[in-house]
Amino acid sequence: MKTNKLMMRLLSGALIALGFTSCEDMEDEYGSPSRDFQVKGVVTDEAGNPIENIRVIIRNAWDNTPNPYADDTVYTDKGGAFANEMTGTVGIDKQKVYFDDVDGEANGGLFQSDSTNIADMEATLVEEGHGSWYQGKYEFEVQKKLKKKEGVSK
């Protein structure tokens, strides 16, 4: 009997440490808080000319390792514009937008890769959340100027 009480106390302590508590006064819900977000913008060279076919990837800010299962990739159009919509359960401020020239000199020269933290962009609330797990839709906009690679003419 003493062993059972000790075991129950140990298990209860472990569950509390893991964050399991009673939810008597809350609605039953399943899932994680989520929000939709759109990152959009225009990529230009230093003279302000739009650059087509720049790869734009949104990844975790702490890891630029390519991940074909998690990377969300779009490319700029003829006007240098891009838009990427995502749903996330992690903080938006933990994401980073990476810009890479992947077509060589085809669109005005070779450009240096660059990145921008989403936390450094201004957020606009586009759609209110419903007070539950869904926290709304946010829009982030960036104007990115890429520098030409040194020693490359054109």
C-alpha atoms as a PDB file:
ATOM      1  CA  MET A   1       0.000   0.000   0.000  1.00  0.00           C
ATOM      2  CA  LYS A   2       2.827   2.405   0.869  1.00  0.00           C
ATOM      3  CA  THR A   3       4.512   1.586  -2.457  1.00  0.00           C
ATOM      4  CA  ASN A   4       1.312   2.438  -4.395  1.00  0.00           C
ATOM      5  CA  LYS A   5       1.011   5.847  -2.699  1.00  0.00           C
ATOM      6  CA  LEU A   6       4.655   6.600  -3.409  1.00  0.00           C
ATOM      7  CA  MET A   7       4.255   5.519  -7.025  1.00  0.00           C
ATOM      8  CA  MET A   8       1.096   7.679  -7.410  1.00  0.00           C
ATOM      9  CA  ARG A   9       2.896  10.709  -5.992  1.00  0.00           C
ATOM     10  CA  LEU A  10       5.876  10.162  -8.302  1.00  0.00           C
ATOM     11  CA  LEU A  11       3.625   9.793 -11.352  1.00  0.00           C
ATOM     12  CA  SER A  12       1.570  12.849 -10.372  1.00  0.00           C
ATOM     13  CA  GLY A  13       4.752  14.886  -9.944  1.00  0.00           C
ATOM     14  CA  ALA A  14       6.016  13.735 -13.331  1.00  0.00           C
ATOM     15  CA  LEU A  15       2.741  14.657 -15.039  1.00  0.00           C
ATOM     16  CA  ILE A  16       2.715  18.079 -13.400  1.00  0.00           C
ATOM     17  CA  ALA A  17       6.325  18.627 -14.464  1.00  0.00           C
ATOM     18  CA  LEU A  18       5.344  17.762 -18.032  1.00  0.00           C
ATOM     19  CA  GLY A  19       2.498  20.272 -17.972  1.00  0.00           C
ATOM     20  CA  PHE A  20      -0.475  17.968 -17.607  1.00  0.00           C
ATOM     21  CA  THR A  21      -3.069  19.549 -15.354  1.00  0.00           C
ATOM     22  CA  SER A  22      -6.786  19.424 -14.830  1.00  0.00           C
ATOM     23  CA  CYS A  23      -8.897  21.316 -17.382  1.00  0.00           C
ATOM     24  CA  GLU A  24     -12.227  21.272 -15.594  1.00  0.00           C
ATOM     25  CA  ASP A  25     -13.081  24.911 -16.303  1.00  0.00           C
ATOM     26  CA  MET A  26     -11.844  24.941 -19.917  1.00  0.00           C
ATOM     27  CA  GLU A  27     -13.416  23.746 -23.135  1.00  0.00           C
ATOM     28  CA  ASP A  28     -11.957  20.526 -24.479  1.00  0.00           C
ATOM     29  CA  GLU A  29      -9.745  21.315 -27.466  1.00  0.00           C
ATOM     30  CA  TYR A  30      -7.141  19.436 -29.381  1.00  0.00           C
ATOM     31  CA  GLY A  31      -4.176  20.889 -31.194  1.00  0.00           C
ATOM     32  CA  SER A  32      -1.740  23.734 -30.914  1.00  0.00           C
ATOM     33  CA  PRO A  33      -2.261  27.457 -31.254  1.00  0.00           C
ATOM     34  CA  SER A  34      -1.751  28.414 -34.882  1.00  0.00           C
ATOM     35  CA  ARG A  35      -1.746  31.477 -37.063  1.00  0.00           C
ATOM     36  CA  ASP A  36      -1.626  32.084 -40.783  1.00  0.00           C
ATOM     37  CA  PHE A  37       0.893  34.467 -42.184  1.00  0.00           C
ATOM     38  CA  GLN A  38       1.811  35.848 -45.551  1.00  0.00           C
ATOM     39  CA  VAL A  39       5.234  37.202 -46.384  1.00  0.00           C
ATOM     40  CA  LYS A  40       5.340  39.283 -49.532  1.00  0.00           C
ATOM     41  CA  GLY A  41       7.561  41.849 -51.124  1.00  0.00           C
ATOM     42  CA  VAL A  42       9.750  42.909 -54.000  1.00  0.00           C
ATOM     43  CA  VAL A  43      13.397  42.065 -54.686  1.00  0.00           C
ATOM     44  CA  THR A  44      15.485  44.598 -56.610  1.00  0.00           C
ATOM     45  CA  ASP A  45      19.106  45.299 -57.397  1.00  0.00           C
ATOM     46  CA  GLU A  46      20.829  48.290 -55.789  1.00  0.00           C
ATOM     47  CA  ALA A  47      19.612  50.555 -58.624  1.00  0.00           C
ATOM     48  CA  GLY A  48      15.994  49.603 -57.912  1.00  0.00           C
ATOM     49  CA  ASN A  49      15.524  47.315 -60.927  1.00  0.00           C
ATOM     50  CA  PRO A  50      13.363  44.248 -60.180  1.00  0.00           C
ATOM     51  CA  ILE A  51      15.122  40.873 -60.242  1.00  0.00           C
ATOM     52  CA  GLU A  52      13.273  37.846 -61.607  1.00  0.00           C
ATOM     53  CA  ASN A  53      13.765  34.258 -60.456  1.00  0.00           C
ATOM     54  CA  ILE A  54      15.247  34.938 -57.018  1.00  0.00           C
ATOM     55  CA  ARG A  55      14.540  31.976 -54.745  1.00  0.00           C
ATOM     56  CA  VAL A  56      12.738  33.063 -51.574  1.00  0.00           C
ATOM     57  CA  ILE A  57      12.655  30.527 -48.732  1.00  0.00           C
ATOM     58  CA  ILE A  58      11.102  30.864 -45.296  1.00  0.00           C
ATOM     59  CA  ARG A  59      12.922  28.783 -42.683  1.00  0.00           C
ATOM     60  CA  ASN A  60      13.659  28.716 -39.007  1.00  0.00           C
ATOM     61  CA  ALA A  61      15.950  31.634 -38.213  1.00  0.00           C
ATOM     62  CA  TRP A  62      18.402  29.467 -36.292  1.00  0.00           C
ATOM     63  CA  ASP A  63      19.007  26.943 -39.090  1.00  0.00           C
ATOM     64  CA  ASN A  64      19.645  27.631 -42.792  1.00  0.00           C
ATOM     65  CA  THR A  65      20.132  23.942 -43.557  1.00  0.00           C
ATOM     66  CA  PRO A  66      17.978  22.974 -46.549  1.00  0.00           C
ATOM     67  CA  ASN A  67      15.035  20.770 -45.586  1.00  0.00           C
ATOM     68  CA  PRO A  68      12.865  19.647 -48.532  1.00  0.00           C
ATOM     69  CA  TYR A  69      10.078  18.629 -46.148  1.00  0.00           C
ATOM     70  CA  ALA A  70       9.828  21.924 -44.255  1.00  0.00           C
ATOM     71  CA  ASP A  71      11.112  24.624 -46.623  1.00  0.00           C
ATOM     72  CA  ASP A  72       8.478  26.775 -48.237  1.00  0.00           C
ATOM     73  CA  THR A  73       9.957  28.111 -51.474  1.00  0.00           C
ATOM     74  CA  VAL A  74       8.688  30.653 -53.999  1.00  0.00           C
ATOM     75  CA  TYR A  75      10.427  32.603 -56.786  1.00  0.00           C
ATOM     76  CA  THR A  76      10.179  36.248 -57.763  1.00  0.00           C
ATOM     77  CA  ASP A  77       8.248  37.159 -60.919  1.00  0.00           C
ATOM     78  CA  LYS A  78       9.310  39.590 -63.706  1.00  0.00           C
ATOM     79  CA  GLY A  79       8.492  42.513 -61.421  1.00  0.00           C
ATOM     80  CA  GLY A  80      10.636  41.068 -58.620  1.00  0.00           C
ATOM     81  CA  ALA A  81       7.488  40.377 -56.554  1.00  0.00           C
ATOM     82  CA  PHE A  82       6.836  37.321 -54.417  1.00  0.00           C
ATOM     83  CA  ALA A  83       4.175  36.186 -51.962  1.00  0.00           C
ATOM     84  CA  ASN A  84       4.233  33.175 -49.695  1.00  0.00           C
ATOM     85  CA  GLU A  85       1.439  32.042 -47.377  1.00  0.00           C
ATOM     86  CA  MET A  86       2.045  29.690 -44.465  1.00  0.00           C
ATOM     87  CA  THR A  87       0.368  28.363 -41.355  1.00  0.00           C
ATOM     88  CA  GLY A  88       2.560  28.143 -38.320  1.00  0.00           C
ATOM     89  CA  THR A  89       2.459  26.820 -34.800  1.00  0.00           C
ATOM     90  CA  VAL A  90       5.807  28.312 -33.800  1.00  0.00           C
ATOM     91  CA  GLY A  91       6.374  31.989 -33.237  1.00  0.00           C
ATOM     92  CA  ILE A  92       6.471  34.022 -36.409  1.00  0.00           C
ATOM     93  CA  ASP A  93       9.433  35.887 -34.963  1.00  0.00           C
ATOM     94  CA  LYS A  94      11.425  32.639 -35.103  1.00  0.00           C
ATOM     95  CA  GLN A  95      11.322  32.581 -38.922  1.00  0.00           C
ATOM     96  CA  LYS A  96      13.713  34.087 -41.448  1.00  0.00           C
ATOM     97  CA  VAL A  97      13.349  34.840 -45.164  1.00  0.00           C
ATOM     98  CA  TYR A  98      16.327  33.825 -47.317  1.00  0.00           C
ATOM     99  CA  PHE A  99      16.956  35.314 -50.792  1.00  0.00           C
ATOM    100  CA  ASP A 100      19.211  33.423 -53.222  1.00  0.00           C
ATOM    101  CA  ASP A 101      20.135  34.008 -56.875  1.00  0.00           C
ATOM    102  CA  VAL A 102      19.737  30.574 -58.455  1.00  0.00           C
ATOM    103  CA  ASP A 103      19.839  31.337 -62.186  1.00  0.00           C
ATOM    104  CA  GLY A 104      23.327  32.807 -62.470  1.00  0.00           C
ATOM    105  CA  GLU A 105      23.695  35.796 -64.781  1.00  0.00           C
ATOM    106  CA  ALA A 106      20.365  35.217 -66.576  1.00  0.00           C
ATOM    107  CA  ASN A 107      18.494  38.097 -64.926  1.00  0.00           C
ATOM    108  CA  GLY A 108      20.898  41.010 -64.706  1.00  0.00           C
ATOM    109  CA  GLY A 109      23.953  39.491 -63.071  1.00  0.00           C
ATOM    110  CA  LEU A 110      25.042  37.394 -60.128  1.00  0.00           C
ATOM    111  CA  PHE A 111      23.672  38.582 -56.790  1.00  0.00           C
ATOM    112  CA  GLN A 112      24.790  37.906 -53.234  1.00  0.00           C
ATOM    113  CA  SER A 113      22.488  35.870 -51.019  1.00  0.00           C
ATOM    114  CA  ASP A 114      20.820  37.781 -48.201  1.00  0.00           C
ATOM    115  CA  SER A 115      18.217  37.248 -45.491  1.00  0.00           C
ATOM    116  CA  THR A 116      15.777  39.130 -43.281  1.00  0.00           C
ATOM    117  CA  ASN A 117      14.285  38.132 -39.944  1.00  0.00           C
ATOM    118  CA  ILE A 118      10.517  38.209 -39.955  1.00  0.00           C
ATOM    119  CA  ALA A 119      10.740  39.726 -36.461  1.00  0.00           C
ATOM    120  CA  ASP A 120      12.306  42.806 -38.104  1.00  0.00           C
ATOM    121  CA  MET A 121       9.308  43.305 -40.420  1.00  0.00           C
ATOM    122  CA  GLU A 122       6.177  45.196 -39.511  1.00  0.00           C
ATOM    123  CA  ALA A 123       3.178  42.915 -38.933  1.00  0.00           C
ATOM    124  CA  THR A 124      -0.303  43.791 -40.124  1.00  0.00           C
ATOM    125  CA  LEU A 125      -3.261  41.874 -38.700  1.00  0.00           C
ATOM    126  CA  VAL A 126      -5.398  40.882 -41.707  1.00  0.00           C
ATOM    127  CA  GLU A 127      -7.898  38.564 -40.005  1.00  0.00           C
ATOM    128  CA  GLU A 128      -8.827  38.321 -36.336  1.00  0.00           C
ATOM    129  CA  GLY A 129      -8.441  35.000 -34.556  1.00  0.00           C
ATOM    130  CA  HIS A 130     -11.540  33.433 -33.045  1.00  0.00           C
ATOM    131  CA  GLY A 131     -10.310  33.496 -29.448  1.00  0.00           C
ATOM    132  CA  SER A 132      -9.406  29.851 -29.421  1.00  0.00           C
ATOM    133  CA  TRP A 133      -6.486  28.010 -30.998  1.00  0.00           C
ATOM    134  CA  TYR A 134      -6.612  30.077 -34.210  1.00  0.00           C
ATOM    135  CA  GLN A 135      -4.818  33.352 -33.557  1.00  0.00           C
ATOM    136  CA  GLY A 136      -5.528  35.105 -36.863  1.00  0.00           C
ATOM    137  CA  LYS A 137      -3.758  35.969 -40.093  1.00  0.00           C
ATOM    138  CA  TYR A 138      -0.809  38.343 -40.281  1.00  0.00           C
ATOM    139  CA  GLU A 139       0.895  39.935 -43.245  1.00  0.00           C
ATOM    140  CA  PHE A 140       4.568  40.890 -43.422  1.00  0.00           C
ATOM    141  CA  GLU A 141       6.100  42.929 -46.216  1.00  0.00           C
ATOM    142  CA  VAL A 142       9.732  43.401 -47.196  1.00  0.00           C
ATOM    143  CA  GLN A 143      11.543  45.359 -49.889  1.00  0.00           C
ATOM    144  CA  LYS A 144      14.894  43.617 -50.390  1.00  0.00           C
ATOM    145  CA  LYS A 145      17.811  45.093 -52.370  1.00  0.00           C
ATOM    146  CA  LEU A 146      20.413  42.528 -53.363  1.00  0.00           C
ATOM    147  CA  LYS A 147      24.027  43.489 -54.029  1.00  0.00           C
ATOM    148  CA  LYS A 148      25.884  42.177 -57.055  1.00  0.00           C
ATOM    149  CA  LYS A 149      28.669  39.719 -56.335  1.00  0.00           C
ATOM    150  CA  GLU A 150      32.111  41.291 -56.315  1.00  0.00           C
ATOM    151  CA  GLY A 151      34.321  40.801 -59.369  1.00  0.00           C
ATOM    152  CA  VAL A 152      31.410  39.975 -61.683  1.00  0.00           C
ATOM    153  CA  SER A 153      30.750  42.339 -64.557  1.00  0.00           C
ATOM    154  CA  LYS A 154      27.482  42.902 -66.372  1.00  0.00           C
END
